[in-house]
């Protein structure tokens, strides 16, 4: 999903439909997994999916890997909040996450 958006946008309608089918499936999984928060689940799921894909697309285009890691972490945190999993606090996934440099230094 993260490697294709630019190429898909320049391609045929059938290619766009195929990409959309996969994206809709991703949204559907997120929608079913999202706890009720009073906001429309589909809207939340669409935003989470777009943050996940878009955040990765932008991060992959950056030269500064630490900034790219920071961007991915920010997108994940906001997506988890949208899904009702983070409640404004760091998720358990973020507590254990380290940048590639930190992982390399620890090994």
PDB file of N, CA and C in Angstrom:
ATOM      1  N   UNK A   1       0.815  -1.201   0.000  1.00  0.00           N
ATOM      2  CA  UNK A   1       0.000   0.000   0.000  1.00  0.00           C
ATOM      3  C   UNK A   1       0.858   1.264   0.000  1.00  0.00           C
ATOM      4  N   UNK A   2       2.027   1.211   0.641  1.00  0.00           N
ATOM      5  CA  UNK A   2       2.830   2.428   0.748  1.00  0.00           C
ATOM      6  C   UNK A   2       3.687   2.677  -0.478  1.00  0.00           C
ATOM      7  N   UNK A   3       3.979   1.659  -1.238  1.00  0.00           N
ATOM      8  CA  UNK A   3       4.860   1.836  -2.390  1.00  0.00           C
ATOM      9  C   UNK A   3       4.098   2.212  -3.661  1.00  0.00           C
ATOM     10  N   UNK A   4       2.793   2.114  -3.651  1.00  0.00           N
ATOM     11  CA  UNK A   4       2.036   2.225  -4.889  1.00  0.00           C
ATOM     12  C   UNK A   4       1.263   3.508  -5.184  1.00  0.00           C
ATOM     13  N   UNK A   5       0.893   4.326  -4.206  1.00  0.00           N
ATOM     14  CA  UNK A   5      -0.036   5.422  -4.502  1.00  0.00           C
ATOM     15  C   UNK A   5       0.333   6.317  -5.682  1.00  0.00           C
ATOM     16  N   UNK A   6       1.564   6.723  -5.808  1.00  0.00           N
ATOM     17  CA  UNK A   6       1.939   7.619  -6.904  1.00  0.00           C
ATOM     18  C   UNK A   6       1.788   6.929  -8.251  1.00  0.00           C
ATOM     19  N   UNK A   7       2.228   5.680  -8.342  1.00  0.00           N
ATOM     20  CA  UNK A   7       2.091   4.940  -9.601  1.00  0.00           C
ATOM     21  C   UNK A   7       0.629   4.656  -9.926  1.00  0.00           C
ATOM     22  N   UNK A   8      -0.136   4.301  -8.918  1.00  0.00           N
ATOM     23  CA  UNK A   8      -1.560   4.020  -9.134  1.00  0.00           C
ATOM     24  C   UNK A   8      -2.276   5.267  -9.637  1.00  0.00           C
ATOM     25  N   UNK A   9      -1.972   6.413  -9.075  1.00  0.00           N
ATOM     26  CA  UNK A   9      -2.623   7.662  -9.473  1.00  0.00           C
ATOM     27  C   UNK A   9      -2.420   7.979 -10.947  1.00  0.00           C
ATOM     28  N   UNK A  10      -1.313   7.511 -11.505  1.00  0.00           N
ATOM     29  CA  UNK A  10      -1.015   7.768 -12.918  1.00  0.00           C
ATOM     30  C   UNK A  10      -1.433   6.621 -13.818  1.00  0.00           C
ATOM     31  N   UNK A  11      -2.139   5.662 -13.297  1.00  0.00           N
ATOM     32  CA  UNK A  11      -2.467   4.462 -14.054  1.00  0.00           C
ATOM     33  C   UNK A  11      -3.937   4.431 -14.445  1.00  0.00           C
ATOM     34  N   UNK A  12      -4.368   3.293 -14.948  1.00  0.00           N
ATOM     35  CA  UNK A  12      -5.724   3.135 -15.475  1.00  0.00           C
ATOM     36  C   UNK A  12      -6.768   3.075 -14.358  1.00  0.00           C
ATOM     37  N   UNK A  13      -8.016   3.214 -14.769  1.00  0.00           N
ATOM     38  CA  UNK A  13      -9.127   3.141 -13.822  1.00  0.00           C
ATOM     39  C   UNK A  13      -9.163   1.755 -13.174  1.00  0.00           C
ATOM     40  N   UNK A  14      -8.874   0.707 -13.919  1.00  0.00           N
ATOM     41  CA  UNK A  14      -8.905  -0.639 -13.337  1.00  0.00           C
ATOM     42  C   UNK A  14      -7.814  -0.805 -12.273  1.00  0.00           C
ATOM     43  N   UNK A  15      -6.666  -0.191 -12.488  1.00  0.00           N
ATOM     44  CA  UNK A  15      -5.604  -0.235 -11.485  1.00  0.00           C
ATOM     45  C   UNK A  15      -6.033   0.524 -10.240  1.00  0.00           C
ATOM     46  N   UNK A  16      -6.644   1.682 -10.436  1.00  0.00           N
ATOM     47  CA  UNK A  16      -7.134   2.467  -9.305  1.00  0.00           C
ATOM     48  C   UNK A  16      -8.199   1.698  -8.525  1.00  0.00           C
ATOM     49  N   UNK A  17      -9.068   0.998  -9.241  1.00  0.00           N
ATOM     50  CA  UNK A  17     -10.110   0.212  -8.568  1.00  0.00           C
ATOM     51  C   UNK A  17      -9.495  -0.918  -7.747  1.00  0.00           C
ATOM     52  N   UNK A  18      -8.458  -1.555  -8.274  1.00  0.00           N
ATOM     53  CA  UNK A  18      -7.787  -2.631  -7.536  1.00  0.00           C
ATOM     54  C   UNK A  18      -7.165  -2.086  -6.251  1.00  0.00           C
ATOM     55  N   UNK A  19      -6.490  -0.959  -6.342  1.00  0.00           N
ATOM     56  CA  UNK A  19      -5.893  -0.330  -5.164  1.00  0.00           C
ATOM     57  C   UNK A  19      -6.988   0.037  -4.165  1.00  0.00           C
ATOM     58  N   UNK A  20      -8.065   0.616  -4.670  1.00  0.00           N
ATOM     59  CA  UNK A  20      -9.183   1.016  -3.810  1.00  0.00           C
ATOM     60  C   UNK A  20      -9.790  -0.187  -3.101  1.00  0.00           C
ATOM     61  N   UNK A  21      -9.880  -1.310  -3.785  1.00  0.00           N
ATOM     62  CA  UNK A  21     -10.418  -2.530  -3.176  1.00  0.00           C
ATOM     63  C   UNK A  21      -9.578  -2.951  -1.973  1.00  0.00           C
ATOM     64  N   UNK A  22      -8.275  -2.914  -2.126  1.00  0.00           N
ATOM     65  CA  UNK A  22      -7.379  -3.281  -1.026  1.00  0.00           C
ATOM     66  C   UNK A  22      -7.483  -2.258   0.105  1.00  0.00           C
ATOM     67  N   UNK A  23      -7.532  -0.985  -0.248  1.00  0.00           N
ATOM     68  CA  UNK A  23      -7.648   0.059   0.774  1.00  0.00           C
ATOM     69  C   UNK A  23      -8.965  -0.081   1.528  1.00  0.00           C
ATOM     70  N   UNK A  24     -10.049  -0.333   0.805  1.00  0.00           N
ATOM     71  CA  UNK A  24     -11.354  -0.521   1.454  1.00  0.00           C
ATOM     72  C   UNK A  24     -11.330  -1.721   2.402  1.00  0.00           C
ATOM     73  N   UNK A  25     -10.620  -2.769   2.009  1.00  0.00           N
ATOM     74  CA  UNK A  25     -10.491  -3.941   2.887  1.00  0.00           C
ATOM     75  C   UNK A  25      -9.747  -3.568   4.164  1.00  0.00           C
ATOM     76  N   UNK A  26      -8.702  -2.766   4.025  1.00  0.00           N
ATOM     77  CA  UNK A  26      -7.949  -2.295   5.187  1.00  0.00           C
ATOM     78  C   UNK A  26      -8.859  -1.473   6.097  1.00  0.00           C
ATOM     79  N   UNK A  27      -9.637  -0.580   5.519  1.00  0.00           N
ATOM     80  CA  UNK A  27     -10.571   0.246   6.285  1.00  0.00           C
ATOM     81  C   UNK A  27     -11.593  -0.646   6.988  1.00  0.00           C
ATOM     82  N   UNK A  28     -12.074  -1.665   6.307  1.00  0.00           N
ATOM     83  CA  UNK A  28     -13.068  -2.566   6.883  1.00  0.00           C
ATOM     84  C   UNK A  28     -12.519  -3.297   8.100  1.00  0.00           C
ATOM     85  N   UNK A  29     -11.285  -3.769   8.017  1.00  0.00           N
ATOM     86  CA  UNK A  29     -10.657  -4.440   9.162  1.00  0.00           C
ATOM     87  C   UNK A  29     -10.526  -3.469  10.332  1.00  0.00           C
ATOM     88  N   UNK A  30     -10.057  -2.270  10.042  1.00  0.00           N
ATOM     89  CA  UNK A  30      -9.922  -1.260  11.099  1.00  0.00           C
ATOM     90  C   UNK A  30     -11.275  -0.885  11.692  1.00  0.00           C
ATOM     91  N   UNK A  31     -12.278  -0.766  10.833  1.00  0.00           N
ATOM     92  CA  UNK A  31     -13.615  -0.394  11.290  1.00  0.00           C
ATOM     93  C   UNK A  31     -14.176  -1.441  12.252  1.00  0.00           C
ATOM     94  N   UNK A  32     -13.998  -2.717  11.912  1.00  0.00           N
ATOM     95  CA  UNK A  32     -14.484  -3.791  12.784  1.00  0.00           C
ATOM     96  C   UNK A  32     -13.712  -3.852  14.093  1.00  0.00           C
ATOM     97  N   UNK A  33     -12.465  -3.404  14.075  1.00  0.00           N
ATOM     98  CA  UNK A  33     -11.600  -3.492  15.252  1.00  0.00           C
ATOM     99  C   UNK A  33     -11.686  -2.265  16.159  1.00  0.00           C
ATOM    100  N   UNK A  34     -12.307  -1.212  15.677  1.00  0.00           N
ATOM    101  CA  UNK A  34     -12.350   0.045  16.411  1.00  0.00           C
ATOM    102  C   UNK A  34     -13.452   0.013  17.468  1.00  0.00           C
ATOM    103  N   UNK A  35     -13.084   0.251  18.731  1.00  0.00           N
ATOM    104  CA  UNK A  35     -14.127   0.296  19.769  1.00  0.00           C
ATOM    105  C   UNK A  35     -15.026   1.523  19.581  1.00  0.00           C
ATOM    106  N   UNK A  36     -16.251   1.417  20.042  1.00  0.00           N
ATOM    107  CA  UNK A  36     -17.200   2.528  19.932  1.00  0.00           C
ATOM    108  C   UNK A  36     -16.724   3.703  20.780  1.00  0.00           C
ATOM    109  N   UNK A  37     -16.655   4.884  20.144  1.00  0.00           N
ATOM    110  CA  UNK A  37     -16.219   6.092  20.855  1.00  0.00           C
ATOM    111  C   UNK A  37     -17.210   7.232  20.688  1.00  0.00           C
ATOM    112  N   UNK A  38     -18.293   6.979  20.003  1.00  0.00           N
ATOM    113  CA  UNK A  38     -19.263   8.035  19.760  1.00  0.00           C
ATOM    114  C   UNK A  38     -19.086   8.696  18.401  1.00  0.00           C
ATOM    115  N   UNK A  39     -17.951   8.463  17.753  1.00  0.00           N
ATOM    116  CA  UNK A  39     -17.723   8.979  16.401  1.00  0.00           C
ATOM    117  C   UNK A  39     -17.987   7.840  15.412  1.00  0.00           C
ATOM    118  N   UNK A  40     -18.339   8.181  14.178  1.00  0.00           N
ATOM    119  CA  UNK A  40     -18.585   7.130  13.183  1.00  0.00           C
ATOM    120  C   UNK A  40     -17.337   6.257  12.989  1.00  0.00           C
ATOM    121  N   UNK A  41     -17.497   4.949  13.145  1.00  0.00           N
ATOM    122  CA  UNK A  41     -16.365   4.028  13.025  1.00  0.00           C
ATOM    123  C   UNK A  41     -15.735   4.059  11.640  1.00  0.00           C
ATOM    124  N   UNK A  42     -16.557   4.154  10.612  1.00  0.00           N
ATOM    125  CA  UNK A  42     -16.011   4.162   9.251  1.00  0.00           C
ATOM    126  C   UNK A  42     -15.105   5.372   9.040  1.00  0.00           C
ATOM    127  N   UNK A  43     -15.553   6.534   9.507  1.00  0.00           N
ATOM    128  CA  UNK A  43     -14.758   7.754   9.376  1.00  0.00           C
ATOM    129  C   UNK A  43     -13.422   7.601  10.111  1.00  0.00           C
ATOM    130  N   UNK A  44     -13.472   7.063  11.307  1.00  0.00           N
ATOM    131  CA  UNK A  44     -12.248   6.839  12.075  1.00  0.00           C
ATOM    132  C   UNK A  44     -11.330   5.863  11.339  1.00  0.00           C
ATOM    133  N   UNK A  45     -11.897   4.789  10.830  1.00  0.00           N
ATOM    134  CA  UNK A  45     -11.106   3.773  10.135  1.00  0.00           C
ATOM    135  C   UNK A  45     -10.463   4.340   8.868  1.00  0.00           C
ATOM    136  N   UNK A  46     -11.206   5.160   8.135  1.00  0.00           N
ATOM    137  CA  UNK A  46     -10.637   5.787   6.942  1.00  0.00           C
ATOM    138  C   UNK A  46      -9.465   6.685   7.305  1.00  0.00           C
ATOM    139  N   UNK A  47      -9.626   7.470   8.355  1.00  0.00           N
ATOM    140  CA  UNK A  47      -8.550   8.365   8.782  1.00  0.00           C
ATOM    141  C   UNK A  47      -7.338   7.573   9.255  1.00  0.00           C
ATOM    142  N   UNK A  48      -7.568   6.497  10.003  1.00  0.00           N
ATOM    143  CA  UNK A  48      -6.450   5.669  10.478  1.00  0.00           C
ATOM    144  C   UNK A  48      -5.693   5.062   9.305  1.00  0.00           C
ATOM    145  N   UNK A  49      -6.425   4.521   8.345  1.00  0.00           N
ATOM    146  CA  UNK A  49      -5.783   3.905   7.184  1.00  0.00           C
ATOM    147  C   UNK A  49      -4.987   4.937   6.394  1.00  0.00           C
ATOM    148  N   UNK A  50      -5.566   6.115   6.194  1.00  0.00           N
ATOM    149  CA  UNK A  50      -4.869   7.166   5.450  1.00  0.00           C
ATOM    150  C   UNK A  50      -3.618   7.631   6.192  1.00  0.00           C
ATOM    151  N   UNK A  51      -3.696   7.740   7.516  1.00  0.00           N
ATOM    152  CA  UNK A  51      -2.520   8.114   8.312  1.00  0.00           C
ATOM    153  C   UNK A  51      -1.431   7.054   8.196  1.00  0.00           C
ATOM    154  N   UNK A  52      -1.821   5.804   8.269  1.00  0.00           N
ATOM    155  CA  UNK A  52      -0.835   4.719   8.190  1.00  0.00           C
ATOM    156  C   UNK A  52      -0.129   4.715   6.834  1.00  0.00           C
ATOM    157  N   UNK A  53      -0.906   4.748   5.767  1.00  0.00           N
ATOM    158  CA  UNK A  53      -0.321   4.709   4.428  1.00  0.00           C
ATOM    159  C   UNK A  53       0.415   6.007   4.127  1.00  0.00           C
ATOM    160  N   UNK A  54      -0.239   7.138   4.350  1.00  0.00           N
ATOM    161  CA  UNK A  54       0.369   8.434   4.036  1.00  0.00           C
ATOM    162  C   UNK A  54       1.605   8.718   4.861  1.00  0.00           C
ATOM    163  N   UNK A  55       1.560   8.382   6.140  1.00  0.00           N
ATOM    164  CA  UNK A  55       2.725   8.583   6.990  1.00  0.00           C
ATOM    165  C   UNK A  55       3.923   7.794   6.505  1.00  0.00           C
ATOM    166  N   UNK A  56       3.693   6.563   6.083  1.00  0.00           N
ATOM    167  CA  UNK A  56       4.790   5.742   5.570  1.00  0.00           C
ATOM    168  C   UNK A  56       5.316   6.284   4.244  1.00  0.00           C
ATOM    169  N   UNK A  57       4.410   6.732   3.380  1.00  0.00           N
ATOM    170  CA  UNK A  57       4.833   7.278   2.084  1.00  0.00           C
ATOM    171  C   UNK A  57       5.750   8.481   2.289  1.00  0.00           C
ATOM    172  N   UNK A  58       5.341   9.401   3.152  1.00  0.00           N
ATOM    173  CA  UNK A  58       6.146  10.597   3.412  1.00  0.00           C
ATOM    174  C   UNK A  58       7.454  10.215   4.100  1.00  0.00           C
ATOM    175  N   UNK A  59       7.404   9.351   5.096  1.00  0.00           N
ATOM    176  CA  UNK A  59       8.615   8.958   5.830  1.00  0.00           C
ATOM    177  C   UNK A  59       9.638   8.288   4.909  1.00  0.00           C
ATOM    178  N   UNK A  60       9.170   7.500   3.961  1.00  0.00           N
ATOM    179  CA  UNK A  60      10.089   6.819   3.039  1.00  0.00           C
ATOM    180  C   UNK A  60      10.816   7.802   2.133  1.00  0.00           C
ATOM    181  N   UNK A  61      10.248   8.989   1.951  1.00  0.00           N
ATOM    182  CA  UNK A  61      10.855   9.977   1.058  1.00  0.00           C
ATOM    183  C   UNK A  61      11.855  10.889   1.773  1.00  0.00           C
ATOM    184  N   UNK A  62      12.026  10.710   3.074  1.00  0.00           N
ATOM    185  CA  UNK A  62      12.900  11.594   3.848  1.00  0.00           C
ATOM    186  C   UNK A  62      14.317  11.034   3.945  1.00  0.00           C
ATOM    187  N   UNK A  63      15.285  11.934   3.929  1.00  0.00           N
ATOM    188  CA  UNK A  63      16.689  11.536   4.085  1.00  0.00           C
ATOM    189  C   UNK A  63      17.056  11.348   5.547  1.00  0.00           C
ATOM    190  N   UNK A  64      16.462  12.151   6.421  1.00  0.00           N
ATOM    191  CA  UNK A  64      16.758  12.085   7.849  1.00  0.00           C
ATOM    192  C   UNK A  64      15.948  10.946   8.464  1.00  0.00           C
ATOM    193  N   UNK A  65      16.598   9.814   8.714  1.00  0.00           N
ATOM    194  CA  UNK A  65      15.904   8.628   9.219  1.00  0.00           C
ATOM    195  C   UNK A  65      15.307   8.856  10.605  1.00  0.00           C
ATOM    196  N   UNK A  66      15.964   9.649  11.435  1.00  0.00           N
ATOM    197  CA  UNK A  66      15.402   9.923  12.760  1.00  0.00           C
ATOM    198  C   UNK A  66      14.105  10.719  12.649  1.00  0.00           C
ATOM    199  N   UNK A  67      14.087  11.692  11.737  1.00  0.00           N
ATOM    200  CA  UNK A  67      12.861  12.472  11.533  1.00  0.00           C
ATOM    201  C   UNK A  67      11.765  11.582  10.942  1.00  0.00           C
ATOM    202  N   UNK A  68      12.151  10.689  10.039  1.00  0.00           N
ATOM    203  CA  UNK A  68      11.189   9.751   9.453  1.00  0.00           C
ATOM    204  C   UNK A  68      10.596   8.848  10.535  1.00  0.00           C
ATOM    205  N   UNK A  69      11.436   8.368  11.449  1.00  0.00           N
ATOM    206  CA  UNK A  69      10.944   7.551  12.565  1.00  0.00           C
ATOM    207  C   UNK A  69       9.979   8.353  13.433  1.00  0.00           C
ATOM    208  N   UNK A  70      10.320   9.610  13.687  1.00  0.00           N
ATOM    209  CA  UNK A  70       9.467  10.488  14.493  1.00  0.00           C
ATOM    210  C   UNK A  70       8.104  10.670  13.821  1.00  0.00           C
ATOM    211  N   UNK A  71       8.114  10.867  12.506  1.00  0.00           N
ATOM    212  CA  UNK A  71       6.866  11.034  11.758  1.00  0.00           C
ATOM    213  C   UNK A  71       6.014   9.769  11.839  1.00  0.00           C
ATOM    214  N   UNK A  72       6.630   8.609  11.617  1.00  0.00           N
ATOM    215  CA  UNK A  72       5.875   7.353  11.701  1.00  0.00           C
ATOM    216  C   UNK A  72       5.292   7.161  13.099  1.00  0.00           C
ATOM    217  N   UNK A  73       6.076   7.471  14.133  1.00  0.00           N
ATOM    218  CA  UNK A  73       5.572   7.355  15.503  1.00  0.00           C
ATOM    219  C   UNK A  73       4.386   8.282  15.738  1.00  0.00           C
ATOM    220  N   UNK A  74       4.472   9.506  15.228  1.00  0.00           N
ATOM    221  CA  UNK A  74       3.381  10.469  15.398  1.00  0.00           C
ATOM    222  C   UNK A  74       2.113   9.974  14.704  1.00  0.00           C
ATOM    223  N   UNK A  75       2.255   9.469  13.489  1.00  0.00           N
ATOM    224  CA  UNK A  75       1.094   8.948  12.756  1.00  0.00           C
ATOM    225  C   UNK A  75       0.477   7.762  13.484  1.00  0.00           C
ATOM    226  N   UNK A  76       1.329   6.864  13.985  1.00  0.00           N
ATOM    227  CA  UNK A  76       0.818   5.707  14.704  1.00  0.00           C
ATOM    228  C   UNK A  76       0.082   6.145  15.967  1.00  0.00           C
ATOM    229  N   UNK A  77       0.647   7.088  16.695  1.00  0.00           N
ATOM    230  CA  UNK A  77       0.022   7.562  17.933  1.00  0.00           C
ATOM    231  C   UNK A  77      -1.356   8.165  17.646  1.00  0.00           C
ATOM    232  N   UNK A  78      -1.439   9.012  16.643  1.00  0.00           N
ATOM    233  CA  UNK A  78      -2.721   9.643  16.306  1.00  0.00           C
ATOM    234  C   UNK A  78      -3.707   8.600  15.793  1.00  0.00           C
ATOM    235  N   UNK A  79      -3.236   7.648  14.981  1.00  0.00           N
ATOM    236  CA  UNK A  79      -4.124   6.586  14.485  1.00  0.00           C
ATOM    237  C   UNK A  79      -4.666   5.758  15.641  1.00  0.00           C
ATOM    238  N   UNK A  80      -3.817   5.425  16.609  1.00  0.00           N
ATOM    239  CA  UNK A  80      -4.280   4.676  17.783  1.00  0.00           C
ATOM    240  C   UNK A  80      -5.286   5.478  18.589  1.00  0.00           C
ATOM    241  N   UNK A  81      -5.046   6.776  18.719  1.00  0.00           N
ATOM    242  CA  UNK A  81      -6.015   7.632  19.421  1.00  0.00           C
ATOM    243  C   UNK A  81      -7.352   7.650  18.688  1.00  0.00           C
ATOM    244  N   UNK A  82      -7.309   7.769  17.360  1.00  0.00           N
ATOM    245  CA  UNK A  82      -8.546   7.757  16.578  1.00  0.00           C
ATOM    246  C   UNK A  82      -9.308   6.457  16.779  1.00  0.00           C
ATOM    247  N   UNK A  83      -8.550   5.368  16.900  1.00  0.00           N
ATOM    248  CA  UNK A  83      -9.169   4.062  17.081  1.00  0.00           C
ATOM    249  C   UNK A  83      -9.614   3.786  18.505  1.00  0.00           C
ATOM    250  N   UNK A  84      -9.314   4.714  19.409  1.00  0.00           N
ATOM    251  CA  UNK A  84      -9.731   4.538  20.785  1.00  0.00           C
ATOM    252  C   UNK A  84      -8.811   3.661  21.608  1.00  0.00           C
ATOM    253  N   UNK A  85      -7.618   3.377  21.099  1.00  0.00           N
ATOM    254  CA  UNK A  85      -6.712   2.471  21.796  1.00  0.00           C
ATOM    255  C   UNK A  85      -5.684   3.180  22.661  1.00  0.00           C
ATOM    256  N   UNK A  86      -5.393   4.435  22.390  1.00  0.00           N
ATOM    257  CA  UNK A  86      -4.309   5.100  23.113  1.00  0.00           C
ATOM    258  C   UNK A  86      -4.808   6.011  24.235  1.00  0.00           C
ATOM    259  N   UNK A  87      -6.001   6.553  24.093  1.00  0.00           N
ATOM    260  CA  UNK A  87      -6.562   7.464  25.099  1.00  0.00           C
ATOM    261  C   UNK A  87      -5.601   8.574  25.508  1.00  0.00           C
ATOM    262  N   UNK A  88      -4.868   9.116  24.550  1.00  0.00           N
ATOM    263  CA  UNK A  88      -3.968  10.223  24.825  1.00  0.00           C
ATOM    264  C   UNK A  88      -2.669   9.823  25.486  1.00  0.00           C
ATOM    265  N   UNK A  89      -2.479   8.532  25.754  1.00  0.00           N
ATOM    266  CA  UNK A  89      -1.252   8.060  26.389  1.00  0.00           C
ATOM    267  C   UNK A  89      -0.447   7.268  25.372  1.00  0.00           C
ATOM    268  N   UNK A  90       0.812   7.082  25.645  1.00  0.00           N
ATOM    269  CA  UNK A  90       1.621   6.252  24.775  1.00  0.00           C
ATOM    270  C   UNK A  90       1.080   4.837  24.825  1.00  0.00           C
ATOM    271  N   UNK A  91       1.018   4.205  23.664  1.00  0.00           N
ATOM    272  CA  UNK A  91       0.571   2.819  23.632  1.00  0.00           C
ATOM    273  C   UNK A  91       1.692   1.919  24.125  1.00  0.00           C
ATOM    274  N   UNK A  92       1.349   0.691  24.459  1.00  0.00           N
ATOM    275  CA  UNK A  92       2.383  -0.236  24.898  1.00  0.00           C
ATOM    276  C   UNK A  92       3.378  -0.510  23.779  1.00  0.00           C
ATOM    277  N   UNK A  93       2.946  -0.359  22.514  1.00  0.00           N
ATOM    278  CA  UNK A  93       3.860  -0.544  21.383  1.00  0.00           C
ATOM    279  C   UNK A  93       4.926   0.543  21.368  1.00  0.00           C
ATOM    280  N   UNK A  94       4.542   1.775  21.648  1.00  0.00           N
ATOM    281  CA  UNK A  94       5.490   2.888  21.630  1.00  0.00           C
ATOM    282  C   UNK A  94       6.494   2.798  22.764  1.00  0.00           C
ATOM    283  N   UNK A  95       6.084   2.255  23.909  1.00  0.00           N
ATOM    284  CA  UNK A  95       6.990   2.154  25.045  1.00  0.00           C
ATOM    285  C   UNK A  95       8.180   1.260  24.730  1.00  0.00           C
ATOM    286  N   UNK A  96       7.991   0.292  23.864  1.00  0.00           N
ATOM    287  CA  UNK A  96       9.053  -0.662  23.561  1.00  0.00           C
ATOM    288  C   UNK A  96       9.762  -0.350  22.251  1.00  0.00           C
ATOM    289  N   UNK A  97       9.310   0.673  21.580  1.00  0.00           N
ATOM    290  CA  UNK A  97       9.876   0.997  20.282  1.00  0.00           C
ATOM    291  C   UNK A  97      11.121   1.853  20.431  1.00  0.00           C
ATOM    292  N   UNK A  98      12.112   1.550  19.616  1.00  0.00           N
ATOM    293  CA  UNK A  98      13.323   2.361  19.580  1.00  0.00           C
ATOM    294  C   UNK A  98      13.644   2.654  18.130  1.00  0.00           C
ATOM    295  N   UNK A  99      14.359   3.731  17.902  1.00  0.00           N
ATOM    296  CA  UNK A  99      14.769   4.064  16.543  1.00  0.00           C
ATOM    297  C   UNK A  99      15.771   3.027  16.074  1.00  0.00           C
ATOM    298  N   UNK A 100      15.977   2.912  14.753  1.00  0.00           N
ATOM    299  CA  UNK A 100      16.961   1.954  14.254  1.00  0.00           C
ATOM    300  C   UNK A 100      18.336   2.161  14.866  1.00  0.00           C
ATOM    301  N   UNK A 101      18.729   3.417  15.080  1.00  0.00           N
ATOM    302  CA  UNK A 101      20.043   3.695  15.680  1.00  0.00           C
ATOM    303  C   UNK A 101      20.098   3.183  17.116  1.00  0.00           C
ATOM    304  N   UNK A 102      19.012   3.385  17.854  1.00  0.00           N
ATOM    305  CA  UNK A 102      18.972   2.904  19.237  1.00  0.00           C
ATOM    306  C   UNK A 102      19.005   1.381  19.284  1.00  0.00           C
ATOM    307  N   UNK A 103      18.287   0.739  18.340  1.00  0.00           N
ATOM    308  CA  UNK A 103      18.318  -0.732  18.295  1.00  0.00           C
ATOM    309  C   UNK A 103      19.720  -1.230  17.978  1.00  0.00           C
ATOM    310  N   UNK A 104      20.388  -0.571  17.027  1.00  0.00           N
ATOM    311  CA  UNK A 104      21.749  -0.966  16.652  1.00  0.00           C
ATOM    312  C   UNK A 104      22.717  -0.764  17.816  1.00  0.00           C
ATOM    313  N   UNK A 105      22.560   0.324  18.539  1.00  0.00           N
ATOM    314  CA  UNK A 105      23.444   0.606  19.673  1.00  0.00           C
ATOM    315  C   UNK A 105      23.245  -0.403  20.794  1.00  0.00           C
ATOM    316  N   UNK A 106      22.021  -0.902  20.946  1.00  0.00           N
ATOM    317  CA  UNK A 106      21.729  -1.839  22.016  1.00  0.00           C
ATOM    318  C   UNK A 106      22.205  -3.259  21.692  1.00  0.00           C
ATOM    319  N   UNK A 107      22.412  -3.530  20.399  1.00  0.00           N
ATOM    320  CA  UNK A 107      22.823  -4.898  20.036  1.00  0.00           C
ATOM    321  C   UNK A 107      24.295  -5.085  19.943  1.00  0.00           C
TER     322      UNK A 107
END
